[in-house]
Amino acid sequence: MKTRKIGKLEVSPIGMGCMGFSHGYGSVPDEDYAIEAIREAYDVGCTFFDTAEVYGKEMFYPGHNEQLLGKAVEPFRDKVILATKFHLGAEEAEGAADLYNPIRRHLDASLENLKTDYVDLYYLHRVNELIPVEDIAEVMGRLIEEGLIKEWGLSQVSVDTLQKAHHITPVSAVQNLYSMMERDCEEDIFPYCIENNITVVPFSPIASGFLSGKVTTQTKFEGDDVRKFVPQLSQENIVANQPILDVLEKFSKQKNAANAQISLAWMLHKYPNVVPIPGSKNQDRIMENLGAWNVRLTEEEFESIENALEAVTIYGHRGHVESEQASFGNNWKGKE
């Protein structure tokens, strides 16, 4: 397993999205199970864990996921990279001389939840079009200078927004939607990020579980399960998108690997600056996902997958640009 870089941070090539332990995928496991899952991930080499202030138990307990993660990694905090995200509302910025104090309040709460005195990677969680991203970037620079955060990033952004922020304080990571089924980032985000030494951290890299082959028309999305709002997972699109599973099935048999592992191995092979963060609340799935860093594709295999993907039509496109004002998240405010 070769590590990858996010700014000056060194991380495992695949990270762990922790949201599902608090909400987003229906019923949540008990705390002991979640903590065990995080620690087992660390034991096999995962050093990159992702959360957010908004990930709360049943959506009524903001901070729950940060607290859970903080408790789980407390024995080895200095050996892992923690990423969390904050959202800034327009009402918080209104009348403020600058954005330092409003943002600092969010950061202080996250530091307390995570049981730490610094955050390795601090993201703006969805852009608010009413607040200039340049003003937020300026505050991120101050927080880096103060040692409260080490690197900063943006989520679900366009290249235009990324450029504006990067010009003020260099951005180290972009957490966007990216998978075999959502490839818009290949057009502009990846080229810009490669040129500017920015890491792309895809969430939903297995397309909300669809690429694992375990989501079918019989799958029930209950409670707060965000997948009920994912266009690709409507009943008709689950059927229409089966050809991409046929592609994965072919290569998973050749490589003696799981479908999800092939999809992650493809991503790792394609871009040197990608660090996916698949999320799951199931320990077996977490271990399977992390095991993808041991699956090596030859150049011939990679090209064969690329050609097969080009021939497949994807139904239920979502896209990676989601501000607060125009967002898939308006359906469900607690999603990734």
C-alpha atoms as a PDB file:
ATOM      1  CA  MET A   1       0.000   0.000   0.000  1.00  0.00           C
ATOM      2  CA  LYS A   2       1.470   3.334  -1.087  1.00  0.00           C
ATOM      3  CA  THR A   3       0.364   6.432   0.751  1.00  0.00           C
ATOM      4  CA  ARG A   4      -0.898   9.570  -0.979  1.00  0.00           C
ATOM      5  CA  LYS A   5      -0.628  13.264  -0.199  1.00  0.00           C
ATOM      6  CA  ILE A   6      -3.185  15.927   0.682  1.00  0.00           C
ATOM      7  CA  GLY A   7      -1.132  19.079   0.827  1.00  0.00           C
ATOM      8  CA  LYS A   8       1.557  18.226   3.368  1.00  0.00           C
ATOM      9  CA  LEU A   9      -0.539  15.440   4.877  1.00  0.00           C
ATOM     10  CA  GLU A  10       0.237  11.782   4.173  1.00  0.00           C
ATOM     11  CA  VAL A  11      -2.778   9.462   4.042  1.00  0.00           C
ATOM     12  CA  SER A  12      -3.741   5.938   3.110  1.00  0.00           C
ATOM     13  CA  PRO A  13      -4.829   5.713  -0.560  1.00  0.00           C
ATOM     14  CA  ILE A  14      -8.411   5.045   0.528  1.00  0.00           C
ATOM     15  CA  GLY A  15     -10.055   6.774   3.464  1.00  0.00           C
ATOM     16  CA  MET A  16     -13.180   6.072   5.460  1.00  0.00           C
ATOM     17  CA  GLY A  17     -16.366   8.099   5.341  1.00  0.00           C
ATOM     18  CA  CYS A  18     -17.925   7.870   8.797  1.00  0.00           C
ATOM     19  CA  MET A  19     -21.331   9.497   8.252  1.00  0.00           C
ATOM     20  CA  GLY A  20     -23.271   6.232   8.167  1.00  0.00           C
ATOM     21  CA  PHE A  21     -22.524   5.563  11.824  1.00  0.00           C
ATOM     22  CA  SER A  22     -24.744   8.507  12.740  1.00  0.00           C
ATOM     23  CA  HIS A  23     -27.295   8.828   9.951  1.00  0.00           C
ATOM     24  CA  GLY A  24     -27.861   8.792   6.221  1.00  0.00           C
ATOM     25  CA  TYR A  25     -28.316   5.070   5.650  1.00  0.00           C
ATOM     26  CA  GLY A  26     -31.340   4.218   7.764  1.00  0.00           C
ATOM     27  CA  SER A  27     -30.875   2.618  11.167  1.00  0.00           C
ATOM     28  CA  VAL A  28     -27.464   3.139  12.738  1.00  0.00           C
ATOM     29  CA  PRO A  29     -25.320   0.556  14.524  1.00  0.00           C
ATOM     30  CA  ASP A  30     -24.657   0.884  18.216  1.00  0.00           C
ATOM     31  CA  GLU A  31     -21.684   2.921  19.347  1.00  0.00           C
ATOM     32  CA  ASP A  32     -19.468  -0.018  20.296  1.00  0.00           C
ATOM     33  CA  TYR A  33     -19.864  -1.525  16.820  1.00  0.00           C
ATOM     34  CA  ALA A  34     -19.043   1.795  15.144  1.00  0.00           C
ATOM     35  CA  ILE A  35     -15.963   2.396  17.273  1.00  0.00           C
ATOM     36  CA  GLU A  36     -14.770  -1.146  16.633  1.00  0.00           C
ATOM     37  CA  ALA A  37     -15.222  -0.613  12.875  1.00  0.00           C
ATOM     38  CA  ILE A  38     -13.133   2.573  12.912  1.00  0.00           C
ATOM     39  CA  ARG A  39     -10.384   0.947  14.956  1.00  0.00           C
ATOM     40  CA  GLU A  40     -10.328  -2.137  12.740  1.00  0.00           C
ATOM     41  CA  ALA A  41      -9.958   0.136   9.711  1.00  0.00           C
ATOM     42  CA  TYR A  42      -6.976   1.766  11.399  1.00  0.00           C
ATOM     43  CA  ASP A  43      -5.487  -1.625  12.251  1.00  0.00           C
ATOM     44  CA  VAL A  44      -5.413  -2.626   8.570  1.00  0.00           C
ATOM     45  CA  GLY A  45      -3.781   0.643   7.538  1.00  0.00           C
ATOM     46  CA  CYS A  46      -6.488   3.269   7.055  1.00  0.00           C
ATOM     47  CA  THR A  47      -5.211   6.610   8.334  1.00  0.00           C
ATOM     48  CA  PHE A  48      -7.767   8.999   6.823  1.00  0.00           C
ATOM     49  CA  PHE A  49     -11.194   9.489   8.408  1.00  0.00           C
ATOM     50  CA  ASP A  50     -13.906  11.881   7.223  1.00  0.00           C
ATOM     51  CA  THR A  51     -16.795  13.417   9.157  1.00  0.00           C
ATOM     52  CA  ALA A  52     -18.723  16.711   9.418  1.00  0.00           C
ATOM     53  CA  GLU A  53     -20.352  18.822  12.093  1.00  0.00           C
ATOM     54  CA  VAL A  54     -23.784  18.247  10.531  1.00  0.00           C
ATOM     55  CA  TYR A  55     -23.638  14.449  10.688  1.00  0.00           C
ATOM     56  CA  GLY A  56     -25.943  13.910  13.626  1.00  0.00           C
ATOM     57  CA  LYS A  57     -27.788  10.950  14.991  1.00  0.00           C
ATOM     58  CA  GLU A  58     -31.260  10.915  13.412  1.00  0.00           C
ATOM     59  CA  MET A  59     -30.534  14.491  12.247  1.00  0.00           C
ATOM     60  CA  PHE A  60     -31.423  15.853  15.671  1.00  0.00           C
ATOM     61  CA  TYR A  61     -27.983  15.536  17.210  1.00  0.00           C
ATOM     62  CA  PRO A  62     -25.445  17.579  15.246  1.00  0.00           C
ATOM     63  CA  GLY A  63     -21.899  16.686  16.214  1.00  0.00           C
ATOM     64  CA  HIS A  64     -22.679  13.085  17.043  1.00  0.00           C
ATOM     65  CA  ASN A  65     -20.471  11.703  14.260  1.00  0.00           C
ATOM     66  CA  GLU A  66     -17.540  13.912  15.224  1.00  0.00           C
ATOM     67  CA  GLN A  67     -17.871  12.785  18.838  1.00  0.00           C
ATOM     68  CA  LEU A  68     -17.992   9.146  17.794  1.00  0.00           C
ATOM     69  CA  LEU A  69     -14.916   9.487  15.613  1.00  0.00           C
ATOM     70  CA  GLY A  70     -13.067  11.448  18.283  1.00  0.00           C
ATOM     71  CA  LYS A  71     -13.712   8.731  20.827  1.00  0.00           C
ATOM     72  CA  ALA A  72     -12.670   5.976  18.412  1.00  0.00           C
ATOM     73  CA  VAL A  73      -9.315   7.480  17.407  1.00  0.00           C
ATOM     74  CA  GLU A  74      -8.380   9.029  20.759  1.00  0.00           C
ATOM     75  CA  PRO A  75      -5.789   6.297  21.529  1.00  0.00           C
ATOM     76  CA  PHE A  76      -3.944   6.985  18.255  1.00  0.00           C
ATOM     77  CA  ARG A  77      -4.994  10.520  17.337  1.00  0.00           C
ATOM     78  CA  ASP A  78      -1.487  11.601  16.335  1.00  0.00           C
ATOM     79  CA  LYS A  79      -1.222   8.758  13.821  1.00  0.00           C
ATOM     80  CA  VAL A  80      -4.321   9.567  11.760  1.00  0.00           C
ATOM     81  CA  ILE A  81      -5.614  12.374   9.565  1.00  0.00           C
ATOM     82  CA  LEU A  82      -9.018  13.744  10.547  1.00  0.00           C
ATOM     83  CA  ALA A  83     -11.162  15.694   8.114  1.00  0.00           C
ATOM     84  CA  THR A  84     -14.314  17.520   9.101  1.00  0.00           C
ATOM     85  CA  LYS A  85     -16.543  20.115   7.487  1.00  0.00           C
ATOM     86  CA  PHE A  86     -18.432  23.228   8.523  1.00  0.00           C
ATOM     87  CA  HIS A  87     -21.305  25.066   6.934  1.00  0.00           C
ATOM     88  CA  LEU A  88     -21.676  28.822   7.215  1.00  0.00           C
ATOM     89  CA  GLY A  89     -25.149  30.330   6.996  1.00  0.00           C
ATOM     90  CA  ALA A  90     -25.774  33.790   5.574  1.00  0.00           C
ATOM     91  CA  GLU A  91     -27.278  34.880   8.882  1.00  0.00           C
ATOM     92  CA  GLU A  92     -23.996  34.129  10.656  1.00  0.00           C
ATOM     93  CA  ALA A  93     -22.039  36.340   8.281  1.00  0.00           C
ATOM     94  CA  GLU A  94     -24.509  39.224   8.334  1.00  0.00           C
ATOM     95  CA  GLY A  95     -23.143  42.233  10.231  1.00  0.00           C
ATOM     96  CA  ALA A  96     -19.818  40.553  11.030  1.00  0.00           C
ATOM     97  CA  ALA A  97     -16.694  42.656  10.522  1.00  0.00           C
ATOM     98  CA  ASP A  98     -15.113  39.554   9.006  1.00  0.00           C
ATOM     99  CA  LEU A  99     -15.819  35.827   9.038  1.00  0.00           C
ATOM    100  CA  TYR A 100     -13.146  34.773  11.511  1.00  0.00           C
ATOM    101  CA  ASN A 101     -15.321  34.665  14.624  1.00  0.00           C
ATOM    102  CA  PRO A 102     -18.305  32.899  12.981  1.00  0.00           C
ATOM    103  CA  ILE A 103     -16.021  30.254  11.463  1.00  0.00           C
ATOM    104  CA  ARG A 104     -13.981  29.930  14.650  1.00  0.00           C
ATOM    105  CA  ARG A 105     -17.153  29.075  16.595  1.00  0.00           C
ATOM    106  CA  HIS A 106     -17.763  26.152  14.245  1.00  0.00           C
ATOM    107  CA  LEU A 107     -14.159  25.022  14.479  1.00  0.00           C
ATOM    108  CA  ASP A 108     -14.075  25.207  18.281  1.00  0.00           C
ATOM    109  CA  ALA A 109     -17.163  23.002  18.495  1.00  0.00           C
ATOM    110  CA  SER A 110     -15.590  20.458  16.149  1.00  0.00           C
ATOM    111  CA  LEU A 111     -12.331  20.453  18.114  1.00  0.00           C
ATOM    112  CA  GLU A 112     -14.244  19.683  21.288  1.00  0.00           C
ATOM    113  CA  ASN A 113     -16.259  16.939  19.595  1.00  0.00           C
ATOM    114  CA  LEU A 114     -13.159  15.334  18.072  1.00  0.00           C
ATOM    115  CA  LYS A 115     -11.185  15.516  21.339  1.00  0.00           C
ATOM    116  CA  THR A 116      -8.295  17.288  19.642  1.00  0.00           C
ATOM    117  CA  ASP A 117      -6.643  20.688  19.468  1.00  0.00           C
ATOM    118  CA  TYR A 118      -6.242  20.783  15.679  1.00  0.00           C
ATOM    119  CA  VAL A 119      -8.040  19.560  12.573  1.00  0.00           C
ATOM    120  CA  ASP A 120      -5.884  18.105   9.822  1.00  0.00           C
ATOM    121  CA  LEU A 121      -8.222  18.960   6.956  1.00  0.00           C
ATOM    122  CA  TYR A 122     -11.058  21.472   7.322  1.00  0.00           C
ATOM    123  CA  TYR A 123     -13.638  21.762   4.552  1.00  0.00           C
ATOM    124  CA  LEU A 124     -16.263  24.318   3.696  1.00  0.00           C
ATOM    125  CA  HIS A 125     -19.314  22.063   3.446  1.00  0.00           C
ATOM    126  CA  ARG A 126     -21.220  23.334   0.420  1.00  0.00           C
ATOM    127  CA  VAL A 127     -20.720  26.858  -0.866  1.00  0.00           C
ATOM    128  CA  ASN A 128     -23.205  29.511   0.191  1.00  0.00           C
ATOM    129  CA  GLU A 129     -23.591  31.793  -2.835  1.00  0.00           C
ATOM    130  CA  LEU A 130     -24.466  34.696  -0.531  1.00  0.00           C
ATOM    131  CA  ILE A 131     -21.003  34.601   1.079  1.00  0.00           C
ATOM    132  CA  PRO A 132     -17.902  35.303  -1.048  1.00  0.00           C
ATOM    133  CA  VAL A 133     -15.725  32.216  -1.026  1.00  0.00           C
ATOM    134  CA  GLU A 134     -12.688  34.504  -1.086  1.00  0.00           C
ATOM    135  CA  ASP A 135     -13.628  35.781   2.384  1.00  0.00           C
ATOM    136  CA  ILE A 136     -13.773  32.226   3.699  1.00  0.00           C
ATOM    137  CA  ALA A 137     -10.433  31.407   2.067  1.00  0.00           C
ATOM    138  CA  GLU A 138      -8.848  34.356   3.876  1.00  0.00           C
ATOM    139  CA  VAL A 139     -10.002  33.006   7.237  1.00  0.00           C
ATOM    140  CA  MET A 140      -8.731  29.531   6.365  1.00  0.00           C
ATOM    141  CA  GLY A 141      -5.301  31.049   5.846  1.00  0.00           C
ATOM    142  CA  ARG A 142      -5.419  32.624   9.294  1.00  0.00           C
ATOM    143  CA  LEU A 143      -6.470  29.344  10.910  1.00  0.00           C
ATOM    144  CA  ILE A 144      -3.574  27.565   9.195  1.00  0.00           C
ATOM    145  CA  GLU A 145      -1.150  30.204  10.453  1.00  0.00           C
ATOM    146  CA  GLU A 146      -2.513  29.738  13.983  1.00  0.00           C
ATOM    147  CA  GLY A 147      -1.999  25.964  13.791  1.00  0.00           C
ATOM    148  CA  LEU A 148      -5.680  25.193  14.370  1.00  0.00           C
ATOM    149  CA  ILE A 149      -5.994  23.503  10.995  1.00  0.00           C
ATOM    150  CA  LYS A 150      -3.278  22.069   8.783  1.00  0.00           C
ATOM    151  CA  GLU A 151      -4.962  22.125   5.363  1.00  0.00           C
ATOM    152  CA  TRP A 152      -8.315  23.226   3.992  1.00  0.00           C
ATOM    153  CA  GLY A 153     -10.690  22.209   1.258  1.00  0.00           C
ATOM    154  CA  LEU A 154     -13.995  22.739  -0.518  1.00  0.00           C
ATOM    155  CA  SER A 155     -16.849  20.371  -1.320  1.00  0.00           C
ATOM    156  CA  GLN A 156     -19.066  20.034  -4.394  1.00  0.00           C
ATOM    157  CA  VAL A 157     -17.543  22.965  -6.224  1.00  0.00           C
ATOM    158  CA  SER A 158     -16.993  24.128  -9.782  1.00  0.00           C
ATOM    159  CA  VAL A 159     -13.582  25.052 -11.117  1.00  0.00           C
ATOM    160  CA  ASP A 160     -14.571  28.739 -11.106  1.00  0.00           C
ATOM    161  CA  THR A 161     -15.274  28.657  -7.364  1.00  0.00           C
ATOM    162  CA  LEU A 162     -12.150  26.605  -6.700  1.00  0.00           C
ATOM    163  CA  GLN A 163      -9.982  29.111  -8.563  1.00  0.00           C
ATOM    164  CA  LYS A 164     -11.368  32.037  -6.586  1.00  0.00           C
ATOM    165  CA  ALA A 165     -10.586  30.340  -3.283  1.00  0.00           C
ATOM    166  CA  HIS A 166      -7.228  28.888  -4.319  1.00  0.00           C
ATOM    167  CA  HIS A 167      -6.005  32.332  -5.361  1.00  0.00           C
ATOM    168  CA  ILE A 168      -6.447  33.598  -1.768  1.00  0.00           C
ATOM    169  CA  THR A 169      -5.301  30.590   0.280  1.00  0.00           C
ATOM    170  CA  PRO A 170      -4.043  27.482  -1.531  1.00  0.00           C
ATOM    171  CA  VAL A 171      -6.635  24.713  -1.402  1.00  0.00           C
ATOM    172  CA  SER A 172      -5.380  21.216  -0.606  1.00  0.00           C
ATOM    173  CA  ALA A 173      -8.477  19.101  -1.230  1.00  0.00           C
ATOM    174  CA  VAL A 174     -11.725  19.086  -3.159  1.00  0.00           C
ATOM    175  CA  GLN A 175     -14.382  16.682  -1.888  1.00  0.00           C
ATOM    176  CA  ASN A 176     -16.673  16.178  -4.872  1.00  0.00           C
ATOM    177  CA  LEU A 177     -19.006  13.495  -6.095  1.00  0.00           C
ATOM    178  CA  TYR A 178     -17.042  11.185  -8.369  1.00  0.00           C
ATOM    179  CA  SER A 179     -17.427   7.574  -9.434  1.00  0.00           C
ATOM    180  CA  MET A 180     -17.714   5.465 -12.572  1.00  0.00           C
ATOM    181  CA  MET A 181     -21.277   6.760 -12.793  1.00  0.00           C
ATOM    182  CA  GLU A 182     -20.549  10.436 -12.098  1.00  0.00           C
ATOM    183  CA  ARG A 183     -17.525  11.515 -14.139  1.00  0.00           C
ATOM    184  CA  ASP A 184     -18.064  15.259 -14.645  1.00  0.00           C
ATOM    185  CA  CYS A 185     -14.973  15.984 -12.540  1.00  0.00           C
ATOM    186  CA  GLU A 186     -12.808  14.504 -15.278  1.00  0.00           C
ATOM    187  CA  GLU A 187     -13.630  17.449 -17.539  1.00  0.00           C
ATOM    188  CA  ASP A 188     -12.232  20.268 -15.425  1.00  0.00           C
ATOM    189  CA  ILE A 189     -11.767  19.501 -11.733  1.00  0.00           C
ATOM    190  CA  PHE A 190      -9.103  16.833 -12.160  1.00  0.00           C
ATOM    191  CA  PRO A 191      -7.047  18.754 -14.728  1.00  0.00           C
ATOM    192  CA  TYR A 192      -7.066  21.892 -12.575  1.00  0.00           C
ATOM    193  CA  CYS A 193      -6.279  19.948  -9.406  1.00  0.00           C
ATOM    194  CA  ILE A 194      -3.415  18.030 -10.981  1.00  0.00           C
ATOM    195  CA  GLU A 195      -1.927  21.268 -12.282  1.00  0.00           C
ATOM    196  CA  ASN A 196      -2.221  22.924  -8.865  1.00  0.00           C
ATOM    197  CA  ASN A 197      -1.290  19.989  -6.589  1.00  0.00           C
ATOM    198  CA  ILE A 198      -4.789  19.650  -5.162  1.00  0.00           C
ATOM    199  CA  THR A 199      -6.121  16.257  -4.084  1.00  0.00           C
ATOM    200  CA  VAL A 200      -9.588  15.125  -5.143  1.00  0.00           C
ATOM    201  CA  VAL A 201     -11.421  13.256  -2.376  1.00  0.00           C
ATOM    202  CA  PRO A 202     -14.456  11.562  -3.956  1.00  0.00           C
ATOM    203  CA  PHE A 203     -17.432  10.805  -1.779  1.00  0.00           C
ATOM    204  CA  SER A 204     -19.855   8.111  -2.966  1.00  0.00           C
ATOM    205  CA  PRO A 205     -17.050   6.559  -5.064  1.00  0.00           C
ATOM    206  CA  ILE A 206     -19.096   3.351  -5.272  1.00  0.00           C
ATOM    207  CA  ALA A 207     -22.180   5.306  -6.385  1.00  0.00           C
ATOM    208  CA  SER A 208     -24.074   4.982  -3.102  1.00  0.00           C
ATOM    209  CA  GLY A 209     -23.421   1.248  -3.123  1.00  0.00           C
ATOM    210  CA  PHE A 210     -24.776   0.580  -6.607  1.00  0.00           C
ATOM    211  CA  LEU A 211     -21.382  -0.381  -8.051  1.00  0.00           C
ATOM    212  CA  SER A 212     -21.027  -3.095  -5.416  1.00  0.00           C
ATOM    213  CA  GLY A 213     -23.858  -4.944  -7.142  1.00  0.00           C
ATOM    214  CA  LYS A 214     -25.673  -5.275  -3.847  1.00  0.00           C
ATOM    215  CA  VAL A 215     -28.320  -2.612  -4.520  1.00  0.00           C
ATOM    216  CA  THR A 216     -31.278  -4.007  -6.457  1.00  0.00           C
ATOM    217  CA  THR A 217     -34.873  -3.086  -7.202  1.00  0.00           C
ATOM    218  CA  GLN A 218     -35.749  -5.071  -4.060  1.00  0.00           C
ATOM    219  CA  THR A 219     -33.560  -2.914  -1.826  1.00  0.00           C
ATOM    220  CA  LYS A 220     -35.579  -0.797   0.602  1.00  0.00           C
ATOM    221  CA  PHE A 221     -34.277   2.634   1.567  1.00  0.00           C
ATOM    222  CA  GLU A 222     -35.895   3.347   4.898  1.00  0.00           C
ATOM    223  CA  GLY A 223     -35.830   6.106   7.492  1.00  0.00           C
ATOM    224  CA  ASP A 224     -33.297   8.833   6.739  1.00  0.00           C
ATOM    225  CA  ASP A 225     -31.558   6.819   4.003  1.00  0.00           C
ATOM    226  CA  VAL A 226     -30.265   9.436   1.555  1.00  0.00           C
ATOM    227  CA  ARG A 227     -30.281   6.915  -1.272  1.00  0.00           C
ATOM    228  CA  LYS A 228     -34.032   7.349  -1.679  1.00  0.00           C
ATOM    229  CA  PHE A 229     -33.175  10.729  -3.255  1.00  0.00           C
ATOM    230  CA  VAL A 230     -30.297   9.552  -5.481  1.00  0.00           C
ATOM    231  CA  PRO A 231     -31.501   9.713  -9.112  1.00  0.00           C
ATOM    232  CA  GLN A 232     -29.436   6.711 -10.220  1.00  0.00           C
ATOM    233  CA  LEU A 233     -31.146   4.573  -7.602  1.00  0.00           C
ATOM    234  CA  SER A 234     -34.726   5.053  -8.706  1.00  0.00           C
ATOM    235  CA  GLN A 235     -36.385   1.762  -9.586  1.00  0.00           C
ATOM    236  CA  GLU A 236     -36.225   2.423 -13.325  1.00  0.00           C
ATOM    237  CA  ASN A 237     -32.597   3.599 -13.245  1.00  0.00           C
ATOM    238  CA  ILE A 238     -31.422   0.633 -11.196  1.00  0.00           C
ATOM    239  CA  VAL A 239     -32.642  -1.504 -14.086  1.00  0.00           C
ATOM    240  CA  ALA A 240     -31.307   0.827 -16.802  1.00  0.00           C
ATOM    241  CA  ASN A 241     -27.850   1.020 -15.214  1.00  0.00           C
ATOM    242  CA  GLN A 242     -27.259  -2.744 -15.074  1.00  0.00           C
ATOM    243  CA  PRO A 243     -24.785  -2.694 -18.019  1.00  0.00           C
ATOM    244  CA  ILE A 244     -22.138  -0.998 -15.869  1.00  0.00           C
ATOM    245  CA  LEU A 245     -22.403  -3.852 -13.382  1.00  0.00           C
ATOM    246  CA  ASP A 246     -21.759  -6.269 -16.234  1.00  0.00           C
ATOM    247  CA  VAL A 247     -18.506  -4.425 -16.915  1.00  0.00           C
ATOM    248  CA  LEU A 248     -17.470  -4.691 -13.267  1.00  0.00           C
ATOM    249  CA  GLU A 249     -18.504  -8.329 -13.028  1.00  0.00           C
ATOM    250  CA  LYS A 250     -16.221  -9.255 -15.907  1.00  0.00           C
ATOM    251  CA  PHE A 251     -13.165  -7.729 -14.289  1.00  0.00           C
ATOM    252  CA  SER A 252     -13.987  -8.778 -10.738  1.00  0.00           C
ATOM    253  CA  LYS A 253     -13.942 -12.395 -11.913  1.00  0.00           C
ATOM    254  CA  GLN A 254     -10.628 -11.877 -13.701  1.00  0.00           C
ATOM    255  CA  LYS A 255      -9.017 -10.256 -10.674  1.00  0.00           C
ATOM    256  CA  ASN A 256     -10.733 -12.354  -8.003  1.00  0.00           C
ATOM    257  CA  ALA A 257     -11.966  -9.135  -6.430  1.00  0.00           C
ATOM    258  CA  ALA A 258     -15.303  -7.581  -5.498  1.00  0.00           C
ATOM    259  CA  ASN A 259     -17.108  -5.222  -7.868  1.00  0.00           C
ATOM    260  CA  ALA A 260     -16.585  -2.322  -5.473  1.00  0.00           C
ATOM    261  CA  GLN A 261     -12.866  -3.063  -5.316  1.00  0.00           C
ATOM    262  CA  ILE A 262     -12.575  -2.913  -9.100  1.00  0.00           C
ATOM    263  CA  SER A 263     -14.330   0.460  -9.196  1.00  0.00           C
ATOM    264  CA  LEU A 264     -11.959   1.854  -6.569  1.00  0.00           C
ATOM    265  CA  ALA A 265      -8.877   0.290  -8.155  1.00  0.00           C
ATOM    266  CA  TRP A 266      -9.859   1.906 -11.479  1.00  0.00           C
ATOM    267  CA  MET A 267     -10.013   5.300  -9.791  1.00  0.00           C
ATOM    268  CA  LEU A 268      -6.676   4.882  -8.024  1.00  0.00           C
ATOM    269  CA  HIS A 269      -5.026   3.762 -11.263  1.00  0.00           C
ATOM    270  CA  LYS A 270      -6.429   6.665 -13.250  1.00  0.00           C
ATOM    271  CA  TYR A 271      -5.412   9.558 -11.008  1.00  0.00           C
ATOM    272  CA  PRO A 272      -2.382   9.934  -8.726  1.00  0.00           C
ATOM    273  CA  ASN A 273      -4.152  12.713  -6.797  1.00  0.00           C
ATOM    274  CA  VAL A 274      -7.342  10.859  -5.871  1.00  0.00           C
ATOM    275  CA  VAL A 275      -8.168   9.550  -2.368  1.00  0.00           C
ATOM    276  CA  PRO A 276     -11.696   8.099  -2.288  1.00  0.00           C
ATOM    277  CA  ILE A 277     -13.645   7.906   0.964  1.00  0.00           C
ATOM    278  CA  PRO A 278     -16.278   5.176   0.604  1.00  0.00           C
ATOM    279  CA  GLY A 279     -18.772   5.243   3.431  1.00  0.00           C
ATOM    280  CA  SER A 280     -20.447   2.242   5.028  1.00  0.00           C
ATOM    281  CA  LYS A 281     -21.853   1.251   8.398  1.00  0.00           C
ATOM    282  CA  ASN A 282     -21.079  -2.429   7.784  1.00  0.00           C
ATOM    283  CA  GLN A 283     -17.725  -3.752   9.002  1.00  0.00           C
ATOM    284  CA  ASP A 284     -17.412  -6.329   6.229  1.00  0.00           C
ATOM    285  CA  ARG A 285     -18.060  -3.721   3.525  1.00  0.00           C
ATOM    286  CA  ILE A 286     -15.528  -1.359   5.116  1.00  0.00           C
ATOM    287  CA  MET A 287     -12.826  -4.034   5.041  1.00  0.00           C
ATOM    288  CA  GLU A 288     -13.725  -4.923   1.463  1.00  0.00           C
ATOM    289  CA  ASN A 289     -13.490  -1.301   0.353  1.00  0.00           C
ATOM    290  CA  LEU A 290     -10.127  -0.753   2.014  1.00  0.00           C
ATOM    291  CA  GLY A 291      -8.856  -3.952   0.448  1.00  0.00           C
ATOM    292  CA  ALA A 292      -9.158  -2.287  -2.946  1.00  0.00           C
ATOM    293  CA  TRP A 293      -5.742  -0.688  -2.419  1.00  0.00           C
ATOM    294  CA  ASN A 294      -4.294  -4.181  -2.928  1.00  0.00           C
ATOM    295  CA  VAL A 295      -6.009  -4.656  -6.299  1.00  0.00           C
ATOM    296  CA  ARG A 296      -3.652  -3.711  -9.114  1.00  0.00           C
ATOM    297  CA  LEU A 297      -4.847  -3.149 -12.659  1.00  0.00           C
ATOM    298  CA  THR A 298      -2.500  -3.562 -15.575  1.00  0.00           C
ATOM    299  CA  GLU A 299      -2.481  -0.773 -18.164  1.00  0.00           C
ATOM    300  CA  GLU A 300      -4.248  -3.134 -20.565  1.00  0.00           C
ATOM    301  CA  GLU A 301      -6.955  -3.917 -18.009  1.00  0.00           C
ATOM    302  CA  PHE A 302      -7.408  -0.243 -17.222  1.00  0.00           C
ATOM    303  CA  GLU A 303      -7.765   0.681 -20.889  1.00  0.00           C
ATOM    304  CA  SER A 304     -10.268  -2.125 -21.368  1.00  0.00           C
ATOM    305  CA  ILE A 305     -12.362  -0.786 -18.476  1.00  0.00           C
ATOM    306  CA  GLU A 306     -12.137   2.756 -19.864  1.00  0.00           C
ATOM    307  CA  ASN A 307     -13.359   1.597 -23.274  1.00  0.00           C
ATOM    308  CA  ALA A 308     -16.196  -0.355 -21.723  1.00  0.00           C
ATOM    309  CA  LEU A 309     -17.284   2.638 -19.638  1.00  0.00           C
ATOM    310  CA  GLU A 310     -17.313   4.884 -22.699  1.00  0.00           C
ATOM    311  CA  ALA A 311     -19.789   2.511 -24.325  1.00  0.00           C
ATOM    312  CA  VAL A 312     -22.201   2.541 -21.362  1.00  0.00           C
ATOM    313  CA  THR A 313     -24.991   5.093 -20.947  1.00  0.00           C
ATOM    314  CA  ILE A 314     -25.580   6.196 -17.344  1.00  0.00           C
ATOM    315  CA  TYR A 315     -29.098   7.074 -16.252  1.00  0.00           C
ATOM    316  CA  GLY A 316     -29.819   9.497 -13.398  1.00  0.00           C
ATOM    317  CA  HIS A 317     -27.009  12.034 -13.698  1.00  0.00           C
ATOM    318  CA  ARG A 318     -26.581  14.229 -10.620  1.00  0.00           C
ATOM    319  CA  GLY A 319     -23.480  16.371 -11.136  1.00  0.00           C
ATOM    320  CA  HIS A 320     -20.864  17.643  -8.721  1.00  0.00           C
ATOM    321  CA  VAL A 321     -21.706  21.340  -8.306  1.00  0.00           C
ATOM    322  CA  GLU A 322     -24.020  21.827  -5.334  1.00  0.00           C
ATOM    323  CA  SER A 323     -24.267  25.121  -3.519  1.00  0.00           C
ATOM    324  CA  GLU A 324     -26.657  25.692  -0.663  1.00  0.00           C
ATOM    325  CA  GLN A 325     -28.928  27.585  -3.030  1.00  0.00           C
ATOM    326  CA  ALA A 326     -28.996  24.970  -5.809  1.00  0.00           C
ATOM    327  CA  SER A 327     -28.369  21.591  -4.293  1.00  0.00           C
ATOM    328  CA  PHE A 328     -29.344  17.974  -4.375  1.00  0.00           C
ATOM    329  CA  GLY A 329     -29.002  18.442  -0.632  1.00  0.00           C
ATOM    330  CA  ASN A 330     -32.165  20.538  -0.552  1.00  0.00           C
ATOM    331  CA  ASN A 331     -33.949  17.192  -0.586  1.00  0.00           C
ATOM    332  CA  TRP A 332     -32.115  16.169   2.551  1.00  0.00           C
ATOM    333  CA  LYS A 333     -29.902  18.595   4.412  1.00  0.00           C
ATOM    334  CA  GLY A 334     -27.845  16.019   6.273  1.00  0.00           C
ATOM    335  CA  LYS A 335     -26.263  14.183   3.391  1.00  0.00           C
ATOM    336  CA  GLU A 336     -22.586  14.136   2.454  1.00  0.00           C
END
